[in-house]
Amino acid sequence: MNHDELILCNARIVLAGEVVHGSVRVQGGRITDIATGGTSVPGAHDLDGDHLLPGLVEVHTDNLERHVTPRPKVHFPMLGAVQAHDAEVASAGITTVLDAIGVGDPYDEGFRSRDQSELLQVLDRLDDAGVLRADHLIHVRCELPAHNARALFEPFSRHPRLRLISLMDHTPGQRQWTDIEHARVYYTGKKGWSNAQFEAEVRIAPERQQQYATPNRAWFTDFAHTHRVALATHDDTTVEHVDEARALGASMSEFPTTLAAAQRAKEPACAP
């Protein structure tokens, strides 16, 4: 076996339509042959019947955010957070990951209210050093009712790692937070708000949404189309939400929150 050649044998190989027992030959970092049955090539790596499958592609994970801010008001250095995140996704079989970065926070608190552009320099630095286990791209999650969404997006806007933009609106009383009491549990529990603070925010949320969400939706949609970046919508709850997403040119409905929305998202785009 050549030095630039790797043979993995005695594996259950997951193919597009079946699982076969056999071996895979890799030369120069590329798969050159898949064969069924055993192999007598000296130096082949015996996988003892384990599954061998293509690397997974993760298009939405907040795992990096969890490492940077493991607890409210606790901030870890970006370099160490990226390395820990990278190790975890690789151990899960993910070879390409779109690191989801939220930009914009109507309440000016937490991870998504801060400039996270340091991530880009850290990824480039680790990539240049050859220590990243997975390929890292960027998924920017844009909070439409936030006054600072566009400003925080700007550092990512021209970076070649940018692959996906998702449009989010977490205004209490709609989409994910249609049930206002579920929103109350989240904001008072995870964010530590008092009931009085929550009630005050609920009262002003519609005004904030009207002021920022519509122009931000149009701006980010235009940016995605102009720069050929994939576009997604988030927490579609009704059939109308999905239809609106299609009209915007979105190619993905992330996490529809009702069966009706999920079924509509699965229908062909030309469905009435």
Foldseek 3Di string as FASTA:
>chain_A
DDPQKAKEAQEQEDDPPHTAHTMWIAGNNHTDDTDGDGDDDPPYHYPNHYYDYAADEAEDDQQLLCLQDVAFPHGDDSLVSVLVVLVVSVVVRHAEYAHEQEAFDQVCGGRNNDQPLVNVVSVVVCVVVVNGRHHYAHEYEAAQLGPGRVVSCVSVLPDPRAAEYEYDHPQACDQVRVPNVVVVCCCCPRVVDDPVVSVVCNVCSVVSCVVGRVVSLVVVLVSCVVVVHAYEYERAAALVSLLVCVVSVHPYYHCHPDPRNVVSSPDPNPDD
